[in-house]
Amino acid sequence: MKILDLSSEHLSGSPKDAASLLCDEEPVAIFINGRHISTVLLGSGNIREYVTGYLFTEQYIKTADEIESIRVEKNRASVLTTNIFSSPGPKKTILSGCGGAVSYIDPGKLPVLTGTFTIPASTIAPTIAHFMANEERQPGLVVSALYRPPQCLMFRQDIGDDQVTDRMIGAGLIGKIDFSSTYCLCSHTVTSETVRKCLMAGIPVLLTTGHCTRLAAQIGQKNGLCIGIIQDTRLLILSRPERITW
């Protein structure tokens, strides 16, 4: 590895150790009841959490209790479920979020969140401050955290938007968290796939320090998910503003 010194009167800032800018990435093949269903690229972390979330959001399982075992080996996760014939629904759409992954995207076939959960606006700023200052954050990774005001229930990271969302949801399922009284704060662009996963889990509010696609906002409005973008000291609410109380 070679580092060039570009310092000049036009540049500022201190140099960083190159190793600190690198994050892990490894392929993991997922097998369900002996059948290969997907190979994904993951950052370091608990593979069981990711696999549990992935199986749930892709509707191979309805609860974590349907998983009998997950055996993790090098670059492979082998899952046994209580239903050996479990499989996702037949209708799928090619998505842009995960390199040709397939998943559901028809809003009419997604859950509609009808609960009355709301977030007091006064609690959002302290939550964002905690999120941004969290010492666990690693360079190059996207973050997804789950909160039940004022508590942070979990803080997960991975190399991609879909991966970190599934990892967070999987951790919640394993911990038997009631998602209907929580909200998610993430650092990545909210896509229709992020929205789909949150709707499957029943998370009623999704905030991001990144961006949001127009389709994601439309699905959120139709299906009861509040989506907001945090910009500096402002919160731009894109769907279901009634979930934020003033």
Protein backbone atom coordinates (compact mmCIF):
# COMPACT_ATOMS: atom_id res chain seq x y z
CA MET A 1 0.00 0.00 0.00
CA LYS A 2 1.30 3.42 -0.96
CA ILE A 3 0.30 6.75 0.59
CA LEU A 4 0.92 10.01 -1.26
CA ASP A 5 1.38 13.20 0.68
CA LEU A 6 -0.92 15.77 -0.92
CA SER A 7 -0.46 18.42 1.74
CA SER A 8 -0.34 21.98 0.48
CA GLU A 9 -1.70 25.37 1.38
CA HIS A 10 -4.93 24.35 -0.34
CA LEU A 11 -5.46 21.23 1.75
CA SER A 12 -6.08 20.86 5.45
CA GLY A 13 -6.55 18.08 7.95
CA SER A 14 -4.24 15.50 9.45
CA PRO A 15 -3.29 12.25 7.70
CA LYS A 16 -4.86 9.00 8.86
CA ASP A 17 -3.49 5.51 9.17
CA ALA A 18 -4.57 3.70 5.98
CA ALA A 19 -5.50 0.57 7.91
CA SER A 20 -8.09 2.52 9.90
CA LEU A 21 -9.91 3.36 6.64
CA LEU A 22 -10.39 -0.29 5.64
CA CYS A 23 -13.38 -2.40 6.64
CA ASP A 24 -13.93 -6.14 6.37
CA GLU A 25 -15.98 -7.77 3.61
CA GLU A 26 -16.59 -11.47 3.09
CA PRO A 27 -19.00 -13.62 1.07
CA VAL A 28 -21.36 -15.83 3.04
CA ALA A 29 -23.42 -18.54 1.35
CA ILE A 30 -26.78 -19.17 3.03
CA PHE A 31 -28.30 -22.65 2.93
CA ILE A 32 -31.78 -23.46 4.22
CA ASN A 33 -32.52 -27.11 4.90
CA GLY A 34 -29.67 -28.08 2.59
CA ARG A 35 -30.68 -25.75 -0.26
CA HIS A 36 -28.56 -22.79 -1.32
CA ILE A 37 -30.72 -19.67 -1.43
CA SER A 38 -28.28 -16.77 -1.59
CA THR A 39 -24.69 -15.62 -1.29
CA VAL A 40 -24.29 -12.22 0.35
CA LEU A 41 -21.38 -9.91 1.13
CA LEU A 42 -21.20 -8.98 4.79
CA GLY A 43 -19.03 -6.94 7.10
CA SER A 44 -17.73 -8.41 10.32
CA GLY A 45 -20.26 -9.16 13.02
CA ASN A 46 -22.79 -11.68 14.24
CA ILE A 47 -23.79 -13.72 11.18
CA ARG A 48 -26.66 -15.36 13.06
CA GLU A 49 -28.30 -11.97 13.51
CA TYR A 50 -28.06 -11.22 9.81
CA VAL A 51 -29.32 -14.64 8.72
CA THR A 52 -32.29 -14.44 11.11
CA GLY A 53 -33.25 -11.01 9.80
CA TYR A 54 -32.77 -12.03 6.17
CA LEU A 55 -34.95 -15.14 6.51
CA PHE A 56 -37.64 -13.06 8.21
CA THR A 57 -37.74 -10.14 5.77
CA GLU A 58 -37.67 -12.54 2.80
CA GLN A 59 -40.52 -14.47 4.46
CA TYR A 60 -38.83 -17.83 4.80
CA ILE A 61 -39.87 -17.63 8.47
CA LYS A 62 -42.50 -15.71 10.43
CA THR A 63 -40.75 -15.79 13.81
CA ALA A 64 -37.27 -16.58 15.07
CA ASP A 65 -38.73 -19.65 16.80
CA GLU A 66 -39.09 -21.32 13.39
CA ILE A 67 -35.31 -21.60 13.20
CA GLU A 68 -34.13 -24.86 14.74
CA SER A 69 -30.42 -24.17 14.27
CA ILE A 70 -27.89 -22.01 12.45
CA ARG A 71 -24.44 -23.50 11.90
CA VAL A 72 -21.86 -20.89 10.92
CA GLU A 73 -18.69 -22.04 9.15
CA LYS A 74 -16.19 -20.15 7.05
CA ASN A 75 -18.13 -18.33 4.32
CA ARG A 76 -21.22 -20.44 4.96
CA ALA A 77 -24.33 -20.40 7.17
CA SER A 78 -26.47 -23.55 7.25
CA VAL A 79 -30.01 -23.18 8.63
CA LEU A 80 -32.51 -25.80 9.69
CA THR A 81 -36.12 -24.64 10.05
CA THR A 82 -39.21 -26.27 11.49
CA ASN A 83 -40.75 -26.23 8.01
CA ILE A 84 -38.38 -27.97 5.60
CA PHE A 85 -40.42 -26.71 2.64
CA SER A 86 -40.24 -23.03 3.60
CA SER A 87 -39.73 -20.68 0.67
CA PRO A 88 -40.49 -17.06 -0.22
CA GLY A 89 -43.49 -16.04 -2.30
CA PRO A 90 -43.21 -16.51 -6.05
CA LYS A 91 -43.60 -12.91 -7.24
CA LYS A 92 -40.37 -10.93 -7.05
CA THR A 93 -38.93 -7.71 -8.43
CA ILE A 94 -35.31 -6.93 -9.26
CA LEU A 95 -34.01 -4.29 -6.86
CA SER A 96 -31.15 -1.82 -7.15
CA GLY A 97 -30.11 -1.94 -3.51
CA CYS A 98 -28.20 -5.21 -3.34
CA GLY A 99 -26.59 -6.07 -6.67
CA GLY A 100 -29.45 -7.90 -8.33
CA ALA A 101 -31.16 -9.21 -5.21
CA VAL A 102 -34.84 -10.02 -5.52
CA SER A 103 -37.62 -9.19 -3.11
CA TYR A 104 -41.19 -7.97 -2.77
CA ILE A 105 -41.98 -4.38 -3.59
CA ASP A 106 -45.74 -4.22 -4.33
CA PRO A 107 -47.15 -1.86 -1.64
CA GLY A 108 -50.50 -3.65 -1.86
CA LYS A 109 -48.88 -6.84 -0.59
CA LEU A 110 -46.97 -5.21 2.25
CA PRO A 111 -48.23 -4.80 5.83
CA VAL A 112 -50.06 -1.59 6.71
CA LEU A 113 -49.04 -0.21 10.10
CA THR A 114 -52.11 0.96 11.98
CA GLY A 115 -50.74 1.30 15.52
CA THR A 116 -50.78 4.60 17.40
CA PHE A 117 -47.07 4.79 18.25
CA THR A 118 -45.66 8.32 18.12
CA ILE A 119 -42.37 10.02 18.98
CA PRO A 120 -42.21 13.29 20.94
CA ALA A 121 -40.24 15.75 18.83
CA SER A 122 -38.30 16.80 21.92
CA THR A 123 -36.63 13.39 22.16
CA ILE A 124 -35.29 13.34 18.61
CA ALA A 125 -32.37 15.78 18.97
CA PRO A 126 -30.79 13.91 21.94
CA THR A 127 -31.21 10.63 20.06
CA ILE A 128 -29.43 12.01 17.00
CA ALA A 129 -26.61 13.33 19.18
CA HIS A 130 -26.17 9.87 20.70
CA PHE A 131 -26.31 8.26 17.27
CA MET A 132 -23.69 10.54 15.73
CA ALA A 133 -21.32 10.34 18.71
CA ASN A 134 -21.53 6.59 19.27
CA GLU A 135 -18.00 5.31 19.80
CA GLU A 136 -18.81 1.99 18.13
CA ARG A 137 -19.05 3.61 14.69
CA GLN A 138 -16.46 2.33 12.23
CA PRO A 139 -15.28 4.10 9.05
CA GLY A 140 -16.81 2.88 5.82
CA LEU A 141 -19.83 1.16 7.41
CA VAL A 142 -23.48 2.16 7.37
CA VAL A 143 -25.35 2.18 10.65
CA SER A 144 -28.83 1.22 11.76
CA ALA A 145 -29.92 1.72 15.38
CA LEU A 146 -33.16 0.83 17.11
CA TYR A 147 -34.58 3.10 19.81
CA ARG A 148 -37.39 2.97 22.31
CA PRO A 149 -37.35 6.52 23.67
CA PRO A 150 -35.12 7.38 25.38
CA GLN A 151 -33.25 4.06 25.28
CA CYS A 152 -31.02 2.77 22.46
CA LEU A 153 -31.91 -0.92 22.16
CA MET A 154 -29.23 -1.82 19.61
CA PHE A 155 -26.63 -0.34 17.29
CA ARG A 156 -25.59 -2.38 14.24
CA GLN A 157 -23.20 -1.75 11.32
CA ASP A 158 -22.47 -3.39 7.98
CA ILE A 159 -21.16 -2.61 4.51
CA GLY A 160 -24.56 -2.17 2.84
CA ASP A 161 -28.03 -0.77 3.45
CA ASP A 162 -29.91 -4.07 3.12
CA GLN A 163 -27.34 -5.98 5.16
CA VAL A 164 -27.42 -3.60 8.13
CA THR A 165 -31.24 -3.45 8.12
CA ASP A 166 -31.54 -7.25 8.16
CA ARG A 167 -28.85 -7.47 10.83
CA MET A 168 -30.74 -5.02 13.08
CA ILE A 169 -34.08 -6.77 12.55
CA GLY A 170 -32.51 -10.17 13.18
CA ALA A 171 -31.00 -8.97 16.45
CA GLY A 172 -34.41 -7.66 17.48
CA LEU A 173 -36.11 -10.95 16.66
CA ILE A 174 -33.54 -12.92 18.63
CA GLY A 175 -34.00 -10.52 21.55
CA LYS A 176 -37.81 -10.79 21.23
CA ILE A 177 -38.20 -7.03 20.89
CA ASP A 178 -41.64 -5.62 20.17
CA PHE A 179 -40.86 -3.49 17.10
CA SER A 180 -44.23 -1.71 17.20
CA SER A 181 -43.01 0.55 20.03
CA THR A 182 -39.63 1.38 18.50
CA TYR A 183 -38.14 3.51 15.77
CA CYS A 184 -35.12 3.09 13.53
CA LEU A 185 -32.42 5.68 12.93
CA CYS A 186 -30.01 4.93 10.08
CA SER A 187 -27.20 6.61 8.16
CA HIS A 188 -27.93 5.37 4.64
CA THR A 189 -30.31 6.23 1.82
CA VAL A 190 -33.79 4.91 2.58
CA THR A 191 -34.90 2.87 -0.42
CA SER A 192 -38.11 0.99 -1.09
CA GLU A 193 -36.29 -2.12 0.12
CA THR A 194 -35.43 -0.51 3.46
CA VAL A 195 -39.09 0.46 3.80
CA ARG A 196 -40.24 -3.05 2.91
CA LYS A 197 -38.04 -4.58 5.59
CA CYS A 198 -39.24 -2.12 8.26
CA LEU A 199 -42.86 -2.78 7.33
CA MET A 200 -42.32 -6.53 7.58
CA ALA A 201 -40.89 -6.05 11.09
CA GLY A 202 -43.60 -3.56 12.09
CA ILE A 203 -41.25 -0.63 12.79
CA PRO A 204 -43.51 2.47 12.60
CA VAL A 205 -40.90 5.26 12.28
CA LEU A 206 -37.74 5.38 10.15
CA LEU A 207 -35.36 8.35 10.33
CA THR A 208 -32.14 8.79 8.37
CA THR A 209 -29.18 11.13 8.32
CA GLY A 210 -28.83 10.25 4.64
CA HIS A 211 -31.39 10.52 1.84
CA CYS A 212 -34.62 8.88 0.72
CA THR A 213 -36.01 7.79 -2.64
CA ARG A 214 -39.34 9.10 -3.87
CA LEU A 215 -40.73 5.56 -4.12
CA ALA A 216 -39.75 4.82 -0.50
CA ALA A 217 -41.64 7.93 0.70
CA GLN A 218 -44.71 6.98 -1.34
CA ILE A 219 -44.81 3.46 0.10
CA GLY A 220 -44.29 4.83 3.60
CA GLN A 221 -47.26 7.18 3.25
CA LYS A 222 -49.52 4.46 1.88
CA ASN A 223 -48.54 1.79 4.39
CA GLY A 224 -48.33 3.77 7.62
CA LEU A 225 -44.58 4.24 8.00
CA CYS A 226 -43.28 7.66 9.07
CA ILE A 227 -40.05 8.53 7.21
CA GLY A 228 -37.92 11.53 8.05
CA ILE A 229 -34.62 12.99 6.83
CA ILE A 230 -32.35 14.74 9.32
CA GLN A 231 -30.55 17.75 7.82
CA ASP A 232 -28.34 19.70 10.22
CA THR A 233 -30.80 20.89 12.88
CA ARG A 234 -33.93 20.20 10.83
CA LEU A 235 -36.15 17.14 10.44
CA LEU A 236 -37.89 16.86 7.09
CA ILE A 237 -40.87 14.51 7.45
CA LEU A 238 -41.71 12.80 4.17
CA SER A 239 -44.58 10.54 5.19
CA ARG A 240 -47.05 10.07 8.05
CA PRO A 241 -46.15 13.24 10.01
CA GLU A 242 -48.79 12.38 12.61
CA ARG A 243 -46.32 9.92 14.17
CA ILE A 244 -44.21 12.88 15.38
CA THR A 245 -45.88 14.81 18.21
CA TRP A 246 -45.02 18.43 19.03
